[in-house]
Amino acid sequence: MNICILSGRIAKNATTRGSEPKTLSFILETRYGVNGDEKKERVSYVPCVLFNPTPEVETLLTTEGEGQFVEFEGRVSGSNPDPNTGRRFNTEVIVRNRTLTFTEAPALSR
């Protein structure tokens, strides 16, 4: 199975592409401790894609998305490099639309 659960802040407002299907692309900033030590926190930026968003979610993510804390379930999608076209390997998370939740960020214990 290919399932991932992510939570974090949206790094910048989402961008819209296409119309059928409409997609939203955004970058999720995730943070994690190293070897259980939250003082040595690391940051990762995860590219995400949401297909056929509701009008409310589209408006929120494209106008006020930056800094919003979200949680969702998705699947990892990778593309293989193509030496003929020069396309490079790319990995992104495809968000399951019904699992996208806007929430308050958890307090960090330090």
C-alpha atoms as a PDB file:
ATOM      1  CA  MET A   1       0.000   0.000   0.000  1.00  0.00           C
ATOM      2  CA  ASN A   2       1.073   3.554  -0.675  1.00  0.00           C
ATOM      3  CA  ILE A   3      -0.337   5.754   2.104  1.00  0.00           C
ATOM      4  CA  CYS A   4       1.234   8.699   3.872  1.00  0.00           C
ATOM      5  CA  ILE A   5      -0.149  11.031   6.518  1.00  0.00           C
ATOM      6  CA  LEU A   6       1.342  14.515   6.669  1.00  0.00           C
ATOM      7  CA  SER A   7       0.878  17.590   8.766  1.00  0.00           C
ATOM      8  CA  GLY A   8       2.544  20.955   8.555  1.00  0.00           C
ATOM      9  CA  ARG A   9       2.263  24.519   7.351  1.00  0.00           C
ATOM     10  CA  ILE A  10       1.703  25.537   3.759  1.00  0.00           C
ATOM     11  CA  ALA A  11       4.883  27.336   2.647  1.00  0.00           C
ATOM     12  CA  LYS A  12       3.157  29.674   0.148  1.00  0.00           C
ATOM     13  CA  ASN A  13      -0.225  30.085  -1.497  1.00  0.00           C
ATOM     14  CA  ALA A  14      -1.297  27.262  -3.803  1.00  0.00           C
ATOM     15  CA  THR A  15      -1.343  27.609  -7.566  1.00  0.00           C
ATOM     16  CA  THR A  16      -4.179  26.375  -9.783  1.00  0.00           C
ATOM     17  CA  ARG A  17      -3.630  24.413 -12.992  1.00  0.00           C
ATOM     18  CA  GLY A  18      -6.004  23.103 -15.616  1.00  0.00           C
ATOM     19  CA  SER A  19      -9.762  22.835 -15.565  1.00  0.00           C
ATOM     20  CA  GLU A  20     -10.599  19.179 -16.142  1.00  0.00           C
ATOM     21  CA  PRO A  21      -9.311  17.967 -13.784  1.00  0.00           C
ATOM     22  CA  LYS A  22      -8.478  21.130 -11.870  1.00  0.00           C
ATOM     23  CA  THR A  23      -5.411  20.788  -9.664  1.00  0.00           C
ATOM     24  CA  LEU A  24      -3.939  22.792  -6.806  1.00  0.00           C
ATOM     25  CA  SER A  25      -0.208  22.598  -6.204  1.00  0.00           C
ATOM     26  CA  PHE A  26       1.387  23.662  -2.944  1.00  0.00           C
ATOM     27  CA  ILE A  27       4.460  23.042  -0.805  1.00  0.00           C
ATOM     28  CA  LEU A  28       4.037  21.671   2.716  1.00  0.00           C
ATOM     29  CA  GLU A  29       6.675  22.551   5.306  1.00  0.00           C
ATOM     30  CA  THR A  30       7.095  19.702   7.776  1.00  0.00           C
ATOM     31  CA  ARG A  31       9.273  19.639  10.881  1.00  0.00           C
ATOM     32  CA  TYR A  32      10.741  16.686  12.732  1.00  0.00           C
ATOM     33  CA  GLY A  33      13.227  16.020  15.505  1.00  0.00           C
ATOM     34  CA  VAL A  34      16.492  14.195  14.939  1.00  0.00           C
ATOM     35  CA  ASN A  35      16.821  10.995  16.984  1.00  0.00           C
ATOM     36  CA  GLY A  36      13.890  12.113  19.136  1.00  0.00           C
ATOM     37  CA  ASP A  37      15.569  15.432  20.004  1.00  0.00           C
ATOM     38  CA  GLU A  38      13.195  18.273  19.067  1.00  0.00           C
ATOM     39  CA  LYS A  39      15.941  20.822  19.778  1.00  0.00           C
ATOM     40  CA  LYS A  40      17.732  19.526  16.667  1.00  0.00           C
ATOM     41  CA  GLU A  41      14.674  20.095  14.537  1.00  0.00           C
ATOM     42  CA  ARG A  42      14.867  19.647  10.765  1.00  0.00           C
ATOM     43  CA  VAL A  43      12.569  21.050   8.098  1.00  0.00           C
ATOM     44  CA  SER A  44      11.431  19.327   4.909  1.00  0.00           C
ATOM     45  CA  TYR A  45       9.487  20.824   2.023  1.00  0.00           C
ATOM     46  CA  VAL A  46       7.062  18.396   0.389  1.00  0.00           C
ATOM     47  CA  PRO A  47       5.406  19.179  -2.973  1.00  0.00           C
ATOM     48  CA  CYS A  48       1.693  18.298  -2.888  1.00  0.00           C
ATOM     49  CA  VAL A  49      -1.098  18.135  -5.469  1.00  0.00           C
ATOM     50  CA  LEU A  50      -4.846  18.227  -4.796  1.00  0.00           C
ATOM     51  CA  PHE A  51      -7.204  17.199  -7.618  1.00  0.00           C
ATOM     52  CA  ASN A  52     -10.683  18.702  -8.055  1.00  0.00           C
ATOM     53  CA  PRO A  53     -10.729  20.890  -4.919  1.00  0.00           C
ATOM     54  CA  THR A  54     -14.001  22.289  -3.657  1.00  0.00           C
ATOM     55  CA  PRO A  55     -14.454  26.007  -4.440  1.00  0.00           C
ATOM     56  CA  GLU A  56     -14.032  26.858  -0.745  1.00  0.00           C
ATOM     57  CA  VAL A  57     -10.732  24.960  -0.432  1.00  0.00           C
ATOM     58  CA  GLU A  58      -9.463  26.404  -3.716  1.00  0.00           C
ATOM     59  CA  THR A  59     -10.178  29.971  -2.571  1.00  0.00           C
ATOM     60  CA  LEU A  60      -8.632  29.418   0.854  1.00  0.00           C
ATOM     61  CA  LEU A  61      -5.434  27.770  -0.415  1.00  0.00           C
ATOM     62  CA  THR A  62      -4.834  30.218  -3.278  1.00  0.00           C
ATOM     63  CA  THR A  63      -5.514  33.421  -1.311  1.00  0.00           C
ATOM     64  CA  GLU A  64      -4.798  32.628   2.359  1.00  0.00           C
ATOM     65  CA  GLY A  65      -2.916  29.334   2.171  1.00  0.00           C
ATOM     66  CA  GLU A  66       0.498  30.520   3.287  1.00  0.00           C
ATOM     67  CA  GLY A  67       1.004  29.647   6.948  1.00  0.00           C
ATOM     68  CA  GLN A  68      -2.161  27.512   7.265  1.00  0.00           C
ATOM     69  CA  PHE A  69      -1.600  24.344   9.312  1.00  0.00           C
ATOM     70  CA  VAL A  70      -3.064  21.305   7.532  1.00  0.00           C
ATOM     71  CA  GLU A  71      -3.238  17.559   8.000  1.00  0.00           C
ATOM     72  CA  PHE A  72      -4.096  15.064   5.287  1.00  0.00           C
ATOM     73  CA  GLU A  73      -3.703  11.590   3.908  1.00  0.00           C
ATOM     74  CA  GLY A  74      -2.246  10.971   0.497  1.00  0.00           C
ATOM     75  CA  ARG A  75      -0.028   8.789  -1.605  1.00  0.00           C
ATOM     76  CA  VAL A  76       3.492   9.297  -2.868  1.00  0.00           C
ATOM     77  CA  SER A  77       3.757   9.629  -6.640  1.00  0.00           C
ATOM     78  CA  GLY A  78       7.053   9.533  -8.499  1.00  0.00           C
ATOM     79  CA  SER A  79       7.955  10.061 -12.137  1.00  0.00           C
ATOM     80  CA  ASN A  80      10.923   8.453 -13.814  1.00  0.00           C
ATOM     81  CA  PRO A  81      13.568  10.466 -15.640  1.00  0.00           C
ATOM     82  CA  ASP A  82      13.394  10.497 -19.424  1.00  0.00           C
ATOM     83  CA  PRO A  83      16.801  11.012 -21.055  1.00  0.00           C
ATOM     84  CA  ASN A  84      15.159  11.819 -24.410  1.00  0.00           C
ATOM     85  CA  THR A  85      13.194  14.816 -23.103  1.00  0.00           C
ATOM     86  CA  GLY A  86      15.555  15.820 -20.294  1.00  0.00           C
ATOM     87  CA  ARG A  87      12.791  15.318 -17.734  1.00  0.00           C
ATOM     88  CA  ARG A  88      14.140  14.688 -14.245  1.00  0.00           C
ATOM     89  CA  PHE A  89      12.867  12.473 -11.482  1.00  0.00           C
ATOM     90  CA  ASN A  90      10.090  14.136  -9.486  1.00  0.00           C
ATOM     91  CA  THR A  91       8.253  13.065  -6.339  1.00  0.00           C
ATOM     92  CA  GLU A  92       5.082  14.604  -4.915  1.00  0.00           C
ATOM     93  CA  VAL A  93       2.215  13.678  -2.613  1.00  0.00           C
ATOM     94  CA  ILE A  94      -1.249  13.314  -4.130  1.00  0.00           C
ATOM     95  CA  VAL A  95      -3.711  14.523  -1.463  1.00  0.00           C
ATOM     96  CA  ARG A  96      -6.920  12.610  -0.821  1.00  0.00           C
ATOM     97  CA  ASN A  97      -9.399  15.494  -1.016  1.00  0.00           C
ATOM     98  CA  ARG A  98     -11.745  14.282   1.698  1.00  0.00           C
ATOM     99  CA  THR A  99      -8.939  13.994   4.264  1.00  0.00           C
ATOM    100  CA  LEU A 100      -7.684  17.607   4.059  1.00  0.00           C
ATOM    101  CA  THR A 101      -8.179  19.222   7.483  1.00  0.00           C
ATOM    102  CA  PHE A 102      -7.323  22.739   8.597  1.00  0.00           C
ATOM    103  CA  THR A 103      -6.358  22.815  12.249  1.00  0.00           C
ATOM    104  CA  GLU A 104      -4.373  24.677  14.878  1.00  0.00           C
ATOM    105  CA  ALA A 105      -0.687  23.827  15.005  1.00  0.00           C
ATOM    106  CA  PRO A 106       0.264  21.672  17.991  1.00  0.00           C
ATOM    107  CA  ALA A 107       2.307  23.345  20.707  1.00  0.00           C
ATOM    108  CA  LEU A 108       5.976  22.405  20.685  1.00  0.00           C
ATOM    109  CA  SER A 109       7.436  21.141  23.935  1.00  0.00           C
ATOM    110  CA  ARG A 110      10.872  22.623  24.564  1.00  0.00           C
END
